[in-house]
């Protein structure tokens, strides 16, 4: 379990802003005279696998630098033009990808944005598990998403991640692990990769073995911040093969199975009085908020146990 870090600060000094960006996974420098309206604010949380940063940068400014990790940048407001190693485009509501070592030059004005920083090693694990190719190299054809639909999906995912930072939800280890996996999977699916290969055919015995291994891993580790990638690795297959195995055996994917196991564990705690109400149970078992937990609980088990808990009004 990796340590959570938090960065919240604001300044009108470009030199101080440079230092804040370095603390937020980048090596950037603002122009010496970014304009009288320059103002920089950052709110960022995460761990060594995933950092989610919300930025508000006022005025007309220019910066140049690079990131240490993979970065999916999403601009939610303002003007932002980027140049990545000679390739140029505008970024408003058009997410773009930066690889470690890419040089980014940007000219922007009054920008609001959310950046997603993903560990290169962990992103590679997800890419290999997704493709079923242990020799796959993280190589992307372009900083741009595959299509407008992919761009829209990334934009929505980034907004949700930013809201998790604002609400404090990202501080939950299980939620953060799940969020990392969703964002990593979105990255490898929404930006065109090279070097992928087709999965080999599998036998019924392969399917059964992967289901049994995956289910055992879920049952043994549901209280830990495991991801679908972890389950697939334990099962010995790709994400697609894992999904097929679970759907064939129990009619639901591995993600839904993990959710059901965690709901069952929360139900046991509530029945035994070991959890101090719904909010405690929801947080312990990785649900973003008590209201969503309550809806899922009622859909799965009905409301009797829940209605007897101290904060049943959610």
C-alpha atoms as a PDB file:
ATOM      1  CA  UNK A   1       0.000   0.000   0.000  1.00  0.00           C
ATOM      2  CA  UNK A   2       1.640   3.245  -1.124  1.00  0.00           C
ATOM      3  CA  UNK A   3       1.678   6.455   0.895  1.00  0.00           C
ATOM      4  CA  UNK A   4      -0.832   9.191   0.134  1.00  0.00           C
ATOM      5  CA  UNK A   5       0.595  12.637  -0.580  1.00  0.00           C
ATOM      6  CA  UNK A   6      -1.229  15.970  -0.718  1.00  0.00           C
ATOM      7  CA  UNK A   7      -0.273  19.274  -2.315  1.00  0.00           C
ATOM      8  CA  UNK A   8      -2.457  22.363  -1.979  1.00  0.00           C
ATOM      9  CA  UNK A   9      -1.035  25.815  -2.629  1.00  0.00           C
ATOM     10  CA  UNK A  10      -1.419  29.062  -4.563  1.00  0.00           C
ATOM     11  CA  UNK A  11       0.866  31.895  -5.675  1.00  0.00           C
ATOM     12  CA  UNK A  12       1.169  34.837  -8.045  1.00  0.00           C
ATOM     13  CA  UNK A  13       4.947  34.444  -8.343  1.00  0.00           C
ATOM     14  CA  UNK A  14       6.007  32.411 -11.446  1.00  0.00           C
ATOM     15  CA  UNK A  15       9.176  31.227  -9.680  1.00  0.00           C
ATOM     16  CA  UNK A  16       7.134  29.813  -6.810  1.00  0.00           C
ATOM     17  CA  UNK A  17       4.783  28.264  -9.374  1.00  0.00           C
ATOM     18  CA  UNK A  18       7.799  26.541 -10.962  1.00  0.00           C
ATOM     19  CA  UNK A  19       8.627  25.014  -7.573  1.00  0.00           C
ATOM     20  CA  UNK A  20       5.043  23.850  -7.096  1.00  0.00           C
ATOM     21  CA  UNK A  21       5.054  22.185 -10.506  1.00  0.00           C
ATOM     22  CA  UNK A  22       8.264  20.372  -9.651  1.00  0.00           C
ATOM     23  CA  UNK A  23       6.570  19.118  -6.497  1.00  0.00           C
ATOM     24  CA  UNK A  24       3.657  17.960  -8.657  1.00  0.00           C
ATOM     25  CA  UNK A  25       5.625  15.514 -10.855  1.00  0.00           C
ATOM     26  CA  UNK A  26       6.980  17.933 -13.429  1.00  0.00           C
ATOM     27  CA  UNK A  27      10.035  19.982 -14.361  1.00  0.00           C
ATOM     28  CA  UNK A  28       8.590  23.158 -15.873  1.00  0.00           C
ATOM     29  CA  UNK A  29       9.415  26.832 -16.036  1.00  0.00           C
ATOM     30  CA  UNK A  30       7.016  29.693 -16.606  1.00  0.00           C
ATOM     31  CA  UNK A  31       8.118  32.647 -18.701  1.00  0.00           C
ATOM     32  CA  UNK A  32       9.711  35.394 -16.619  1.00  0.00           C
ATOM     33  CA  UNK A  33       6.883  37.809 -17.476  1.00  0.00           C
ATOM     34  CA  UNK A  34       3.687  35.722 -17.716  1.00  0.00           C
ATOM     35  CA  UNK A  35       1.399  38.751 -17.469  1.00  0.00           C
ATOM     36  CA  UNK A  36       0.005  40.866 -14.658  1.00  0.00           C
ATOM     37  CA  UNK A  37      -3.012  38.596 -14.190  1.00  0.00           C
ATOM     38  CA  UNK A  38      -0.876  35.510 -13.557  1.00  0.00           C
ATOM     39  CA  UNK A  39      -2.119  33.396 -10.648  1.00  0.00           C
ATOM     40  CA  UNK A  40      -1.367  29.741  -9.973  1.00  0.00           C
ATOM     41  CA  UNK A  41      -3.367  27.335  -7.805  1.00  0.00           C
ATOM     42  CA  UNK A  42      -2.865  23.574  -7.429  1.00  0.00           C
ATOM     43  CA  UNK A  43      -4.736  20.872  -5.510  1.00  0.00           C
ATOM     44  CA  UNK A  44      -3.203  17.433  -5.961  1.00  0.00           C
ATOM     45  CA  UNK A  45      -3.442  14.077  -4.198  1.00  0.00           C
ATOM     46  CA  UNK A  46      -2.370  10.517  -4.869  1.00  0.00           C
ATOM     47  CA  UNK A  47       0.427   8.010  -4.393  1.00  0.00           C
ATOM     48  CA  UNK A  48       3.309   6.534  -6.380  1.00  0.00           C
ATOM     49  CA  UNK A  49       0.878   4.843  -8.817  1.00  0.00           C
ATOM     50  CA  UNK A  50      -1.536   7.722  -9.428  1.00  0.00           C
ATOM     51  CA  UNK A  51      -1.606  11.460  -8.793  1.00  0.00           C
ATOM     52  CA  UNK A  52      -4.611  13.614  -9.690  1.00  0.00           C
ATOM     53  CA  UNK A  53      -3.931  17.335  -9.957  1.00  0.00           C
ATOM     54  CA  UNK A  54      -6.439  20.176 -10.331  1.00  0.00           C
ATOM     55  CA  UNK A  55      -4.915  23.410 -11.639  1.00  0.00           C
ATOM     56  CA  UNK A  56      -6.203  26.934 -12.079  1.00  0.00           C
ATOM     57  CA  UNK A  57      -3.735  29.246 -13.849  1.00  0.00           C
ATOM     58  CA  UNK A  58      -4.851  32.784 -14.590  1.00  0.00           C
ATOM     59  CA  UNK A  59      -3.428  35.305 -17.045  1.00  0.00           C
ATOM     60  CA  UNK A  60      -1.589  34.873 -20.329  1.00  0.00           C
ATOM     61  CA  UNK A  61       1.422  32.594 -19.855  1.00  0.00           C
ATOM     62  CA  UNK A  62       3.935  30.305 -21.530  1.00  0.00           C
ATOM     63  CA  UNK A  63       5.706  27.298 -20.033  1.00  0.00           C
ATOM     64  CA  UNK A  64       8.058  24.545 -21.151  1.00  0.00           C
ATOM     65  CA  UNK A  65       9.219  21.308 -19.539  1.00  0.00           C
ATOM     66  CA  UNK A  66       8.536  17.616 -19.063  1.00  0.00           C
ATOM     67  CA  UNK A  67       6.935  15.130 -16.677  1.00  0.00           C
ATOM     68  CA  UNK A  68       8.512  12.205 -14.854  1.00  0.00           C
ATOM     69  CA  UNK A  69       5.457   9.998 -15.350  1.00  0.00           C
ATOM     70  CA  UNK A  70       2.837   9.446 -18.017  1.00  0.00           C
ATOM     71  CA  UNK A  71       0.425  12.375 -17.920  1.00  0.00           C
ATOM     72  CA  UNK A  72      -3.063  12.668 -19.391  1.00  0.00           C
ATOM     73  CA  UNK A  73      -3.794  16.398 -19.481  1.00  0.00           C
ATOM     74  CA  UNK A  74      -7.385  17.630 -19.704  1.00  0.00           C
ATOM     75  CA  UNK A  75      -8.258  21.301 -20.147  1.00  0.00           C
ATOM     76  CA  UNK A  76     -11.721  22.168 -18.795  1.00  0.00           C
ATOM     77  CA  UNK A  77     -11.674  25.903 -19.446  1.00  0.00           C
ATOM     78  CA  UNK A  78      -9.590  28.616 -21.089  1.00  0.00           C
ATOM     79  CA  UNK A  79      -7.256  28.676 -24.101  1.00  0.00           C
ATOM     80  CA  UNK A  80      -4.409  26.173 -24.290  1.00  0.00           C
ATOM     81  CA  UNK A  81      -2.171  25.411 -27.278  1.00  0.00           C
ATOM     82  CA  UNK A  82       0.458  22.678 -26.937  1.00  0.00           C
ATOM     83  CA  UNK A  83       3.530  21.582 -28.825  1.00  0.00           C
ATOM     84  CA  UNK A  84       4.979  18.150 -28.027  1.00  0.00           C
ATOM     85  CA  UNK A  85       8.238  17.466 -29.831  1.00  0.00           C
ATOM     86  CA  UNK A  86       7.001  19.405 -32.861  1.00  0.00           C
ATOM     87  CA  UNK A  87       3.400  18.109 -32.934  1.00  0.00           C
ATOM     88  CA  UNK A  88       0.849  20.867 -32.196  1.00  0.00           C
ATOM     89  CA  UNK A  89      -2.811  21.191 -31.294  1.00  0.00           C
ATOM     90  CA  UNK A  90      -5.357  22.976 -29.077  1.00  0.00           C
ATOM     91  CA  UNK A  91      -6.341  21.271 -25.839  1.00  0.00           C
ATOM     92  CA  UNK A  92      -9.722  22.672 -24.794  1.00  0.00           C
ATOM     93  CA  UNK A  93     -11.885  19.607 -24.098  1.00  0.00           C
ATOM     94  CA  UNK A  94      -9.362  17.563 -26.089  1.00  0.00           C
ATOM     95  CA  UNK A  95      -7.176  15.510 -23.680  1.00  0.00           C
ATOM     96  CA  UNK A  96      -3.610  14.776 -24.709  1.00  0.00           C
ATOM     97  CA  UNK A  97      -0.918  12.356 -23.558  1.00  0.00           C
ATOM     98  CA  UNK A  98       2.614  13.126 -22.403  1.00  0.00           C
ATOM     99  CA  UNK A  99       5.178  10.340 -22.043  1.00  0.00           C
ATOM    100  CA  UNK A 100       8.144  10.574 -19.671  1.00  0.00           C
ATOM    101  CA  UNK A 101      10.822  12.542 -21.485  1.00  0.00           C
ATOM    102  CA  UNK A 102       8.447  14.302 -23.920  1.00  0.00           C
ATOM    103  CA  UNK A 103       9.120  18.031 -24.126  1.00  0.00           C
ATOM    104  CA  UNK A 104       5.940  20.097 -23.769  1.00  0.00           C
ATOM    105  CA  UNK A 105       5.738  23.741 -24.830  1.00  0.00           C
ATOM    106  CA  UNK A 106       2.418  25.471 -24.188  1.00  0.00           C
ATOM    107  CA  UNK A 107       0.874  28.903 -24.551  1.00  0.00           C
ATOM    108  CA  UNK A 108      -2.277  29.363 -22.491  1.00  0.00           C
ATOM    109  CA  UNK A 109      -4.655  31.862 -20.963  1.00  0.00           C
ATOM    110  CA  UNK A 110      -6.951  31.553 -17.930  1.00  0.00           C
ATOM    111  CA  UNK A 111      -6.867  27.769 -17.773  1.00  0.00           C
ATOM    112  CA  UNK A 112      -8.631  25.239 -15.576  1.00  0.00           C
ATOM    113  CA  UNK A 113      -7.355  21.704 -16.005  1.00  0.00           C
ATOM    114  CA  UNK A 114      -7.055  18.268 -14.427  1.00  0.00           C
ATOM    115  CA  UNK A 115      -3.889  16.230 -14.957  1.00  0.00           C
ATOM    116  CA  UNK A 116      -3.666  12.492 -14.337  1.00  0.00           C
ATOM    117  CA  UNK A 117      -0.148  11.249 -13.541  1.00  0.00           C
ATOM    118  CA  UNK A 118       0.361   7.492 -13.965  1.00  0.00           C
ATOM    119  CA  UNK A 119       3.383   5.415 -12.956  1.00  0.00           C
ATOM    120  CA  UNK A 120       5.169   4.110 -16.069  1.00  0.00           C
ATOM    121  CA  UNK A 121       5.824   0.700 -14.491  1.00  0.00           C
ATOM    122  CA  UNK A 122       2.244   0.230 -13.312  1.00  0.00           C
ATOM    123  CA  UNK A 123       0.802   1.501 -16.584  1.00  0.00           C
ATOM    124  CA  UNK A 124       2.954  -1.042 -18.420  1.00  0.00           C
ATOM    125  CA  UNK A 125       1.556  -3.801 -16.179  1.00  0.00           C
ATOM    126  CA  UNK A 126      -1.993  -2.783 -17.086  1.00  0.00           C
ATOM    127  CA  UNK A 127      -1.157  -2.576 -20.802  1.00  0.00           C
ATOM    128  CA  UNK A 128       0.427  -6.039 -20.790  1.00  0.00           C
ATOM    129  CA  UNK A 129      -2.416  -7.552 -18.803  1.00  0.00           C
ATOM    130  CA  UNK A 130      -4.978  -5.939 -21.086  1.00  0.00           C
ATOM    131  CA  UNK A 131      -3.294  -7.217 -24.246  1.00  0.00           C
ATOM    132  CA  UNK A 132      -2.155 -10.571 -22.915  1.00  0.00           C
ATOM    133  CA  UNK A 133       1.321  -9.746 -24.258  1.00  0.00           C
ATOM    134  CA  UNK A 134       4.111  -9.893 -21.655  1.00  0.00           C
ATOM    135  CA  UNK A 135       6.596  -8.426 -24.150  1.00  0.00           C
ATOM    136  CA  UNK A 136       4.509  -5.358 -25.034  1.00  0.00           C
ATOM    137  CA  UNK A 137       6.317  -2.007 -24.907  1.00  0.00           C
ATOM    138  CA  UNK A 138       4.464   1.202 -24.059  1.00  0.00           C
ATOM    139  CA  UNK A 139       4.539   2.918 -27.435  1.00  0.00           C
ATOM    140  CA  UNK A 140       1.841   5.407 -28.455  1.00  0.00           C
ATOM    141  CA  UNK A 141       1.344   6.660 -31.997  1.00  0.00           C
ATOM    142  CA  UNK A 142       0.176  10.151 -31.056  1.00  0.00           C
ATOM    143  CA  UNK A 143      -0.532  12.448 -28.092  1.00  0.00           C
ATOM    144  CA  UNK A 144      -4.135  12.666 -29.327  1.00  0.00           C
ATOM    145  CA  UNK A 145      -6.927  10.207 -28.390  1.00  0.00           C
ATOM    146  CA  UNK A 146      -8.090   7.732 -31.034  1.00  0.00           C
ATOM    147  CA  UNK A 147     -11.409   9.528 -31.641  1.00  0.00           C
ATOM    148  CA  UNK A 148     -13.726  12.230 -30.333  1.00  0.00           C
ATOM    149  CA  UNK A 149     -15.616   9.555 -28.394  1.00  0.00           C
ATOM    150  CA  UNK A 150     -12.391   8.441 -26.696  1.00  0.00           C
ATOM    151  CA  UNK A 151     -11.586  12.074 -25.898  1.00  0.00           C
ATOM    152  CA  UNK A 152     -15.007  12.523 -24.316  1.00  0.00           C
ATOM    153  CA  UNK A 153     -14.561   9.420 -22.198  1.00  0.00           C
ATOM    154  CA  UNK A 154     -11.183  10.637 -20.917  1.00  0.00           C
ATOM    155  CA  UNK A 155     -12.601  14.057 -20.164  1.00  0.00           C
ATOM    156  CA  UNK A 156     -15.403  12.557 -18.068  1.00  0.00           C
ATOM    157  CA  UNK A 157     -12.959  10.260 -16.253  1.00  0.00           C
ATOM    158  CA  UNK A 158     -10.691  13.208 -15.435  1.00  0.00           C
ATOM    159  CA  UNK A 159     -13.604  15.266 -14.085  1.00  0.00           C
ATOM    160  CA  UNK A 160     -14.621  12.414 -11.778  1.00  0.00           C
ATOM    161  CA  UNK A 161     -11.013  11.991 -10.602  1.00  0.00           C
ATOM    162  CA  UNK A 162     -10.815  15.725  -9.886  1.00  0.00           C
ATOM    163  CA  UNK A 163     -14.029  15.561  -7.865  1.00  0.00           C
ATOM    164  CA  UNK A 164     -12.557  12.703  -5.839  1.00  0.00           C
ATOM    165  CA  UNK A 165      -9.667  15.014  -4.890  1.00  0.00           C
ATOM    166  CA  UNK A 166     -11.989  17.852  -3.891  1.00  0.00           C
ATOM    167  CA  UNK A 167     -14.256  15.584  -1.815  1.00  0.00           C
ATOM    168  CA  UNK A 168     -11.386  13.665  -0.203  1.00  0.00           C
ATOM    169  CA  UNK A 169     -12.689  10.369  -1.599  1.00  0.00           C
ATOM    170  CA  UNK A 170      -9.299   9.652  -3.178  1.00  0.00           C
ATOM    171  CA  UNK A 171      -7.814   9.285   0.322  1.00  0.00           C
ATOM    172  CA  UNK A 172      -9.512   5.865   0.591  1.00  0.00           C
ATOM    173  CA  UNK A 173      -6.919   3.222  -0.397  1.00  0.00           C
ATOM    174  CA  UNK A 174      -9.433   0.885  -2.073  1.00  0.00           C
ATOM    175  CA  UNK A 175     -11.076   3.725  -3.988  1.00  0.00           C
ATOM    176  CA  UNK A 176      -7.689   5.025  -5.107  1.00  0.00           C
ATOM    177  CA  UNK A 177      -6.579   1.605  -6.341  1.00  0.00           C
ATOM    178  CA  UNK A 178      -9.815   1.196  -8.299  1.00  0.00           C
ATOM    179  CA  UNK A 179      -9.497   4.716  -9.709  1.00  0.00           C
ATOM    180  CA  UNK A 180      -5.925   4.030 -10.829  1.00  0.00           C
ATOM    181  CA  UNK A 181      -6.986   0.927 -12.693  1.00  0.00           C
ATOM    182  CA  UNK A 182      -9.880   2.677 -14.456  1.00  0.00           C
ATOM    183  CA  UNK A 183      -7.692   5.591 -15.500  1.00  0.00           C
ATOM    184  CA  UNK A 184      -4.790   3.359 -16.588  1.00  0.00           C
ATOM    185  CA  UNK A 185      -7.136   1.191 -18.619  1.00  0.00           C
ATOM    186  CA  UNK A 186      -8.702   4.291 -20.180  1.00  0.00           C
ATOM    187  CA  UNK A 187      -5.229   5.525 -21.138  1.00  0.00           C
ATOM    188  CA  UNK A 188      -4.168   2.336 -22.925  1.00  0.00           C
ATOM    189  CA  UNK A 189      -7.566   2.060 -24.633  1.00  0.00           C
ATOM    190  CA  UNK A 190      -8.039   5.696 -25.668  1.00  0.00           C
ATOM    191  CA  UNK A 191      -4.568   6.416 -27.082  1.00  0.00           C
ATOM    192  CA  UNK A 192      -3.475   4.280 -30.019  1.00  0.00           C
ATOM    193  CA  UNK A 193      -0.718   1.863 -29.107  1.00  0.00           C
ATOM    194  CA  UNK A 194       1.749   0.012 -31.306  1.00  0.00           C
ATOM    195  CA  UNK A 195       3.162  -3.475 -30.883  1.00  0.00           C
ATOM    196  CA  UNK A 196      -0.043  -5.146 -29.716  1.00  0.00           C
ATOM    197  CA  UNK A 197      -0.762  -8.699 -30.792  1.00  0.00           C
ATOM    198  CA  UNK A 198      -3.839 -10.885 -30.906  1.00  0.00           C
ATOM    199  CA  UNK A 199      -4.517 -13.177 -27.961  1.00  0.00           C
ATOM    200  CA  UNK A 200      -4.065 -16.890 -28.525  1.00  0.00           C
ATOM    201  CA  UNK A 201      -7.174 -19.124 -28.433  1.00  0.00           C
ATOM    202  CA  UNK A 202      -8.062 -20.564 -25.018  1.00  0.00           C
ATOM    203  CA  UNK A 203      -9.545 -23.915 -24.053  1.00  0.00           C
ATOM    204  CA  UNK A 204     -12.491 -24.554 -21.683  1.00  0.00           C
ATOM    205  CA  UNK A 205      -9.950 -25.780 -19.123  1.00  0.00           C
ATOM    206  CA  UNK A 206      -8.128 -22.425 -19.385  1.00  0.00           C
ATOM    207  CA  UNK A 207     -11.380 -20.575 -18.776  1.00  0.00           C
ATOM    208  CA  UNK A 208     -12.277 -22.672 -15.734  1.00  0.00           C
ATOM    209  CA  UNK A 209      -8.790 -22.402 -14.244  1.00  0.00           C
ATOM    210  CA  UNK A 210      -8.739 -18.620 -14.624  1.00  0.00           C
ATOM    211  CA  UNK A 211     -12.138 -18.309 -12.995  1.00  0.00           C
ATOM    212  CA  UNK A 212     -11.150 -20.424  -9.989  1.00  0.00           C
ATOM    213  CA  UNK A 213      -7.833 -18.584  -9.522  1.00  0.00           C
ATOM    214  CA  UNK A 214      -9.475 -15.188  -9.947  1.00  0.00           C
ATOM    215  CA  UNK A 215     -12.305 -15.962  -7.527  1.00  0.00           C
ATOM    216  CA  UNK A 216      -9.885 -17.285  -4.903  1.00  0.00           C
ATOM    217  CA  UNK A 217      -7.778 -14.144  -5.227  1.00  0.00           C
ATOM    218  CA  UNK A 218     -10.845 -11.908  -4.797  1.00  0.00           C
ATOM    219  CA  UNK A 219     -12.061 -13.786  -1.735  1.00  0.00           C
ATOM    220  CA  UNK A 220      -8.604 -13.718  -0.127  1.00  0.00           C
ATOM    221  CA  UNK A 221      -7.816 -10.073  -0.876  1.00  0.00           C
ATOM    222  CA  UNK A 222     -11.123  -8.157  -1.044  1.00  0.00           C
ATOM    223  CA  UNK A 223     -10.127  -6.000   1.943  1.00  0.00           C
ATOM    224  CA  UNK A 224      -6.982  -4.816   0.140  1.00  0.00           C
ATOM    225  CA  UNK A 225      -6.688  -2.191  -2.663  1.00  0.00           C
ATOM    226  CA  UNK A 226      -6.621  -4.775  -5.463  1.00  0.00           C
ATOM    227  CA  UNK A 227      -7.468  -3.926  -9.073  1.00  0.00           C
ATOM    228  CA  UNK A 228      -8.801  -5.889 -12.027  1.00  0.00           C
ATOM    229  CA  UNK A 229      -5.240  -6.039 -13.292  1.00  0.00           C
ATOM    230  CA  UNK A 230      -4.155  -7.743 -10.063  1.00  0.00           C
ATOM    231  CA  UNK A 231      -6.985 -10.267 -10.405  1.00  0.00           C
ATOM    232  CA  UNK A 232      -6.124 -10.987 -14.035  1.00  0.00           C
ATOM    233  CA  UNK A 233      -2.470 -11.527 -13.169  1.00  0.00           C
ATOM    234  CA  UNK A 234      -3.413 -13.896 -10.354  1.00  0.00           C
ATOM    235  CA  UNK A 235      -5.740 -15.753 -12.736  1.00  0.00           C
ATOM    236  CA  UNK A 236      -3.046 -16.028 -15.395  1.00  0.00           C
ATOM    237  CA  UNK A 237      -4.764 -14.236 -18.271  1.00  0.00           C
ATOM    238  CA  UNK A 238      -5.632 -10.916 -19.861  1.00  0.00           C
ATOM    239  CA  UNK A 239      -8.480  -8.647 -18.758  1.00  0.00           C
ATOM    240  CA  UNK A 240     -10.617  -9.865 -21.655  1.00  0.00           C
ATOM    241  CA  UNK A 241      -9.967 -13.511 -20.743  1.00  0.00           C
ATOM    242  CA  UNK A 242     -10.762 -12.793 -17.107  1.00  0.00           C
ATOM    243  CA  UNK A 243     -14.071 -11.185 -18.076  1.00  0.00           C
ATOM    244  CA  UNK A 244     -15.002 -14.149 -20.267  1.00  0.00           C
ATOM    245  CA  UNK A 245     -14.152 -16.639 -17.514  1.00  0.00           C
ATOM    246  CA  UNK A 246     -16.263 -14.890 -14.871  1.00  0.00           C
ATOM    247  CA  UNK A 247     -19.220 -14.238 -17.138  1.00  0.00           C
ATOM    248  CA  UNK A 248     -19.262 -17.835 -18.297  1.00  0.00           C
ATOM    249  CA  UNK A 249     -19.243 -19.197 -14.740  1.00  0.00           C
ATOM    250  CA  UNK A 250     -21.316 -16.711 -12.724  1.00  0.00           C
ATOM    251  CA  UNK A 251     -22.885 -14.397 -15.286  1.00  0.00           C
ATOM    252  CA  UNK A 252     -21.010 -11.274 -14.201  1.00  0.00           C
ATOM    253  CA  UNK A 253     -17.564  -9.778 -14.695  1.00  0.00           C
ATOM    254  CA  UNK A 254     -14.758  -9.902 -12.142  1.00  0.00           C
ATOM    255  CA  UNK A 255     -15.373  -6.255 -11.199  1.00  0.00           C
ATOM    256  CA  UNK A 256     -19.001  -6.983 -10.286  1.00  0.00           C
ATOM    257  CA  UNK A 257     -17.873 -10.084  -8.368  1.00  0.00           C
ATOM    258  CA  UNK A 258     -15.370  -8.048  -6.342  1.00  0.00           C
ATOM    259  CA  UNK A 259     -18.088  -5.503  -5.616  1.00  0.00           C
ATOM    260  CA  UNK A 260     -20.460  -8.273  -4.441  1.00  0.00           C
ATOM    261  CA  UNK A 261     -17.817  -9.817  -2.159  1.00  0.00           C
ATOM    262  CA  UNK A 262     -17.092  -6.435  -0.587  1.00  0.00           C
ATOM    263  CA  UNK A 263     -20.789  -5.744  -0.137  1.00  0.00           C
ATOM    264  CA  UNK A 264     -21.133  -9.124   1.574  1.00  0.00           C
ATOM    265  CA  UNK A 265     -18.259  -8.318   3.915  1.00  0.00           C
ATOM    266  CA  UNK A 266     -19.846  -4.959   4.748  1.00  0.00           C
ATOM    267  CA  UNK A 267     -23.154  -6.722   5.398  1.00  0.00           C
ATOM    268  CA  UNK A 268     -21.451  -9.086   7.849  1.00  0.00           C
ATOM    269  CA  UNK A 269     -19.937  -6.105   9.689  1.00  0.00           C
ATOM    270  CA  UNK A 270     -23.264  -4.291   9.906  1.00  0.00           C
ATOM    271  CA  UNK A 271     -25.078  -7.395  11.134  1.00  0.00           C
ATOM    272  CA  UNK A 272     -22.424  -8.075  13.772  1.00  0.00           C
ATOM    273  CA  UNK A 273     -22.295  -4.432  14.857  1.00  0.00           C
ATOM    274  CA  UNK A 274     -18.596  -4.152  14.020  1.00  0.00           C
ATOM    275  CA  UNK A 275     -19.120  -1.091  11.797  1.00  0.00           C
ATOM    276  CA  UNK A 276     -20.203   2.255  13.234  1.00  0.00           C
ATOM    277  CA  UNK A 277     -22.931   2.831  10.656  1.00  0.00           C
ATOM    278  CA  UNK A 278     -23.135   2.887   6.895  1.00  0.00           C
ATOM    279  CA  UNK A 279     -20.456   5.539   6.310  1.00  0.00           C
ATOM    280  CA  UNK A 280     -17.847   3.490   8.151  1.00  0.00           C
ATOM    281  CA  UNK A 281     -18.732   0.310   6.277  1.00  0.00           C
ATOM    282  CA  UNK A 282     -18.735   2.125   2.944  1.00  0.00           C
ATOM    283  CA  UNK A 283     -15.304   3.654   3.522  1.00  0.00           C
ATOM    284  CA  UNK A 284     -13.758   0.419   4.762  1.00  0.00           C
ATOM    285  CA  UNK A 285     -14.903  -1.532   1.708  1.00  0.00           C
ATOM    286  CA  UNK A 286     -13.942   1.008  -0.911  1.00  0.00           C
ATOM    287  CA  UNK A 287     -17.188   2.730  -1.859  1.00  0.00           C
ATOM    288  CA  UNK A 288     -16.936   6.360  -2.921  1.00  0.00           C
ATOM    289  CA  UNK A 289     -19.761   7.564  -0.658  1.00  0.00           C
ATOM    290  CA  UNK A 290     -22.394   6.212   1.688  1.00  0.00           C
ATOM    291  CA  UNK A 291     -25.312   6.985  -0.631  1.00  0.00           C
ATOM    292  CA  UNK A 292     -23.906   4.893  -3.491  1.00  0.00           C
ATOM    293  CA  UNK A 293     -23.046   2.148  -1.045  1.00  0.00           C
ATOM    294  CA  UNK A 294     -26.590   2.157   0.337  1.00  0.00           C
ATOM    295  CA  UNK A 295     -28.100   1.892  -3.157  1.00  0.00           C
ATOM    296  CA  UNK A 296     -25.800  -0.995  -4.069  1.00  0.00           C
ATOM    297  CA  UNK A 297     -26.494  -2.701  -0.739  1.00  0.00           C
ATOM    298  CA  UNK A 298     -30.252  -2.476  -1.127  1.00  0.00           C
ATOM    299  CA  UNK A 299     -30.053  -3.715  -4.720  1.00  0.00           C
ATOM    300  CA  UNK A 300     -28.019  -6.714  -3.608  1.00  0.00           C
ATOM    301  CA  UNK A 301     -29.564  -7.645  -0.256  1.00  0.00           C
ATOM    302  CA  UNK A 302     -32.630  -5.505   0.363  1.00  0.00           C
ATOM    303  CA  UNK A 303     -32.723  -2.855   3.070  1.00  0.00           C
ATOM    304  CA  UNK A 304     -33.472  -4.668   6.353  1.00  0.00           C
ATOM    305  CA  UNK A 305     -29.963  -4.779   7.788  1.00  0.00           C
ATOM    306  CA  UNK A 306     -29.147  -1.336   6.485  1.00  0.00           C
ATOM    307  CA  UNK A 307     -32.298   0.237   7.926  1.00  0.00           C
ATOM    308  CA  UNK A 308     -31.315  -0.956  11.393  1.00  0.00           C
ATOM    309  CA  UNK A 309     -27.935   0.809  11.213  1.00  0.00           C
ATOM    310  CA  UNK A 310     -27.436   4.144  13.074  1.00  0.00           C
ATOM    311  CA  UNK A 311     -27.225   6.324   9.929  1.00  0.00           C
ATOM    312  CA  UNK A 312     -29.827   4.561   7.832  1.00  0.00           C
ATOM    313  CA  UNK A 313     -31.241   7.822   6.519  1.00  0.00           C
ATOM    314  CA  UNK A 314     -28.681   7.824   3.664  1.00  0.00           C
END
